[in-house]
Amino acid sequence: MRSDEALRAYVGLGSNAAGAAEHLEQALAALAALPDMRLGVVSSVYATEPQDYADQPWFLNRAAELLPGADWEPHALMDALLQIEAAQGRVRSPDPALRYGPRVIDLDLLLFGDVQSTHPHCLLPHPRLTRRAFVLVPLLEVAPQIRICGLPGRQWLARLPWRLEGHRIFQ
């Protein structure tokens, strides 16, 4: 049990299936409905070009701040994210080549306070967080002063080759 009432967790949301904006809204509603969880600041929607597996539609991405109650732990939140994904029809392909392929919804636990975890089920901070402009841009909209692994989030973003055109992220 924690006593830190100011704990913040951050989740990255993405979808590139038909009705992607609605899938993101459904996921946000499901996050807000978790017991003893409050939904904080939510970013704008960003259209982002696919990474790694380019032959698919562009993604819509957002970031959300969560304010978990004192009994929440990172592993439990990760389990809840996976349950929300499954409830929305997310199917994880056993094919490693499609790991980054099309999806109805993708929920990534980016940060859980300052918790660091190397557990394979719940790596924190998210292992690819600092290499993805499509995650950092919405996260910095939600939490402009966020620090990741001791460095300002903006410093991580400045290291990446990317550009923003309106609400479209190219990387």
Protein backbone atom coordinates (compact mmCIF):
# COMPACT_ATOMS: atom_id res chain seq x y z
CA MET A 1 0.00 0.00 0.00
CA ARG A 2 1.29 3.46 -0.93
CA SER A 3 0.70 6.75 0.77
CA ASP A 4 1.63 8.87 -2.28
CA GLU A 5 -1.63 10.65 -3.15
CA ALA A 6 0.05 12.52 -6.01
CA LEU A 7 0.94 9.38 -7.98
CA ARG A 8 0.42 9.70 -11.71
CA ALA A 9 0.45 6.92 -14.28
CA TYR A 10 0.56 7.58 -18.01
CA VAL A 11 -0.92 5.44 -20.75
CA GLY A 12 -0.35 5.65 -24.49
CA LEU A 13 -3.37 4.82 -26.65
CA GLY A 14 -3.35 3.92 -30.33
CA SER A 15 -5.63 2.51 -33.01
CA ASN A 16 -5.54 2.18 -36.77
CA ALA A 17 -8.68 0.11 -37.33
CA ALA A 18 -11.87 1.47 -38.89
CA GLY A 19 -13.46 3.79 -36.33
CA ALA A 20 -10.12 4.47 -34.63
CA ALA A 21 -11.33 7.65 -32.90
CA GLU A 22 -14.25 5.75 -31.37
CA HIS A 23 -11.94 2.95 -30.22
CA LEU A 24 -9.79 5.52 -28.41
CA GLU A 25 -12.86 7.06 -26.75
CA GLN A 26 -14.10 3.62 -25.65
CA ALA A 27 -10.71 2.87 -24.13
CA LEU A 28 -10.68 6.19 -22.26
CA ALA A 29 -14.16 5.45 -20.90
CA ALA A 30 -12.98 2.00 -19.78
CA LEU A 31 -9.94 3.52 -18.05
CA ALA A 32 -12.14 6.05 -16.27
CA ALA A 33 -14.44 3.23 -15.14
CA LEU A 34 -11.68 1.26 -13.41
CA PRO A 35 -12.30 1.04 -9.67
CA ASP A 36 -10.49 3.66 -7.59
CA MET A 37 -9.04 5.28 -10.71
CA ARG A 38 -9.47 8.85 -11.95
CA LEU A 39 -8.82 9.95 -15.49
CA GLY A 40 -6.68 13.09 -15.52
CA VAL A 41 -5.51 15.12 -18.50
CA VAL A 42 -5.97 13.56 -21.94
CA SER A 43 -4.04 14.70 -25.01
CA SER A 44 -5.31 15.72 -28.39
CA VAL A 45 -5.56 13.07 -31.09
CA TYR A 46 -2.49 12.77 -33.30
CA ALA A 47 -2.32 10.94 -36.64
CA THR A 48 0.95 9.06 -36.90
CA GLU A 49 2.59 7.09 -39.64
CA PRO A 50 3.07 3.40 -38.84
CA GLN A 51 6.43 2.28 -37.46
CA ASP A 52 8.28 -0.97 -38.18
CA TYR A 53 5.40 -2.49 -40.22
CA ALA A 54 4.63 0.27 -42.74
CA ASP A 55 2.04 -1.50 -44.92
CA GLN A 56 -0.98 -0.51 -42.82
CA PRO A 57 -3.19 2.52 -42.17
CA TRP A 58 -1.93 5.47 -40.15
CA PHE A 59 -2.57 5.35 -36.40
CA LEU A 60 -4.48 7.71 -34.18
CA ASN A 61 -2.59 8.19 -30.92
CA ARG A 62 -3.27 9.87 -27.59
CA ALA A 63 -1.83 9.90 -24.10
CA ALA A 64 -3.78 9.90 -20.86
CA GLU A 65 -2.87 10.71 -17.28
CA LEU A 66 -4.31 8.35 -14.69
CA LEU A 67 -4.58 9.04 -10.97
CA PRO A 68 -4.68 5.60 -9.35
CA GLY A 69 -5.90 5.04 -5.83
CA ALA A 70 -3.51 3.87 -3.12
CA ASP A 71 -4.09 0.15 -3.74
CA TRP A 72 -3.13 0.18 -7.42
CA GLU A 73 0.18 -1.42 -8.40
CA PRO A 74 1.81 -1.37 -11.85
CA HIS A 75 1.19 -5.07 -12.58
CA ALA A 76 -2.51 -4.71 -11.77
CA LEU A 77 -2.82 -1.70 -14.07
CA MET A 78 -1.02 -3.60 -16.84
CA ASP A 79 -3.50 -6.47 -16.41
CA ALA A 80 -6.39 -3.99 -16.59
CA LEU A 81 -5.00 -2.51 -19.83
CA LEU A 82 -4.76 -5.97 -21.39
CA GLN A 83 -8.34 -6.72 -20.34
CA ILE A 84 -9.58 -3.48 -21.90
CA GLU A 85 -7.73 -4.33 -25.12
CA ALA A 86 -9.28 -7.81 -25.21
CA ALA A 87 -12.76 -6.44 -24.49
CA GLN A 88 -12.39 -4.10 -27.48
CA GLY A 89 -11.36 -6.94 -29.78
CA ARG A 90 -7.58 -6.67 -29.75
CA VAL A 91 -5.99 -9.85 -31.06
CA ARG A 92 -2.28 -10.28 -30.55
CA SER A 93 -0.65 -12.03 -33.50
CA PRO A 94 1.74 -14.87 -32.70
CA ASP A 95 3.70 -13.79 -35.81
CA PRO A 96 6.67 -11.64 -34.69
CA ALA A 97 6.62 -9.86 -38.07
CA LEU A 98 3.14 -8.52 -37.22
CA ARG A 99 3.95 -7.39 -33.67
CA TYR A 100 3.51 -3.79 -34.78
CA GLY A 101 0.75 -4.53 -37.27
CA PRO A 102 -2.81 -3.19 -37.45
CA ARG A 103 -4.82 -3.14 -34.24
CA VAL A 104 -8.21 -2.13 -32.93
CA ILE A 105 -6.67 -0.71 -29.76
CA ASP A 106 -3.25 -0.59 -28.19
CA LEU A 107 -2.80 0.52 -24.58
CA ASP A 108 0.76 0.92 -23.31
CA LEU A 109 1.63 1.64 -19.70
CA LEU A 110 4.30 4.29 -20.21
CA LEU A 111 5.05 5.36 -16.64
CA PHE A 112 3.73 4.54 -13.19
CA GLY A 113 5.05 7.27 -10.93
CA ASP A 114 8.79 6.80 -10.72
CA VAL A 115 8.55 3.00 -10.58
CA GLN A 116 11.21 1.14 -12.51
CA SER A 117 10.52 -2.49 -13.35
CA THR A 118 12.36 -5.09 -15.38
CA HIS A 119 9.64 -7.70 -14.96
CA PRO A 120 8.84 -9.04 -18.48
CA HIS A 121 5.09 -8.50 -17.94
CA CYS A 122 5.48 -4.89 -16.84
CA LEU A 123 8.59 -3.06 -18.05
CA LEU A 124 8.74 0.48 -16.66
CA PRO A 125 9.34 2.99 -17.98
CA HIS A 126 8.00 1.56 -21.25
CA PRO A 127 11.14 0.32 -23.05
CA ARG A 128 10.47 2.15 -26.33
CA LEU A 129 9.01 5.34 -24.82
CA THR A 130 12.07 7.49 -25.45
CA ARG A 131 12.38 6.37 -29.10
CA ARG A 132 8.84 7.18 -30.23
CA ALA A 133 7.76 10.70 -31.13
CA PHE A 134 4.18 9.43 -31.52
CA VAL A 135 4.23 8.63 -27.80
CA LEU A 136 6.35 11.53 -26.52
CA VAL A 137 4.43 14.31 -28.30
CA PRO A 138 1.03 13.46 -26.75
CA LEU A 139 2.68 12.63 -23.40
CA LEU A 140 4.36 16.04 -23.30
CA GLU A 141 1.04 17.70 -24.09
CA VAL A 142 -0.42 16.00 -21.01
CA ALA A 143 2.63 16.40 -18.76
CA PRO A 144 4.98 19.09 -20.17
CA GLN A 145 7.42 18.86 -17.25
CA ILE A 146 7.63 15.05 -17.19
CA ARG A 147 11.00 13.48 -16.50
CA ILE A 148 11.86 10.08 -17.93
CA CYS A 149 14.84 8.18 -16.54
CA GLY A 150 16.05 11.40 -14.94
CA LEU A 151 15.90 13.56 -18.07
CA PRO A 152 13.22 16.00 -19.21
CA GLY A 153 10.83 14.44 -21.73
CA ARG A 154 11.55 17.27 -24.16
CA GLN A 155 15.22 16.32 -24.13
CA TRP A 156 14.33 12.78 -25.23
CA LEU A 157 12.10 14.16 -27.99
CA ALA A 158 14.85 16.50 -29.22
CA ARG A 159 17.06 13.46 -29.89
CA LEU A 160 14.61 11.97 -32.39
CA PRO A 161 14.23 12.62 -36.13
CA TRP A 162 10.61 13.75 -36.36
CA ARG A 163 8.34 16.58 -37.41
CA LEU A 164 4.84 17.74 -36.59
CA GLU A 165 2.44 19.09 -39.21
CA GLY A 166 -0.76 20.15 -37.50
CA HIS A 167 -1.67 17.03 -35.54
CA ARG A 168 0.26 14.67 -37.83
CA ILE A 169 3.49 13.18 -36.52
CA PHE A 170 6.12 11.99 -38.97
CA GLN A 171 9.06 9.91 -37.78
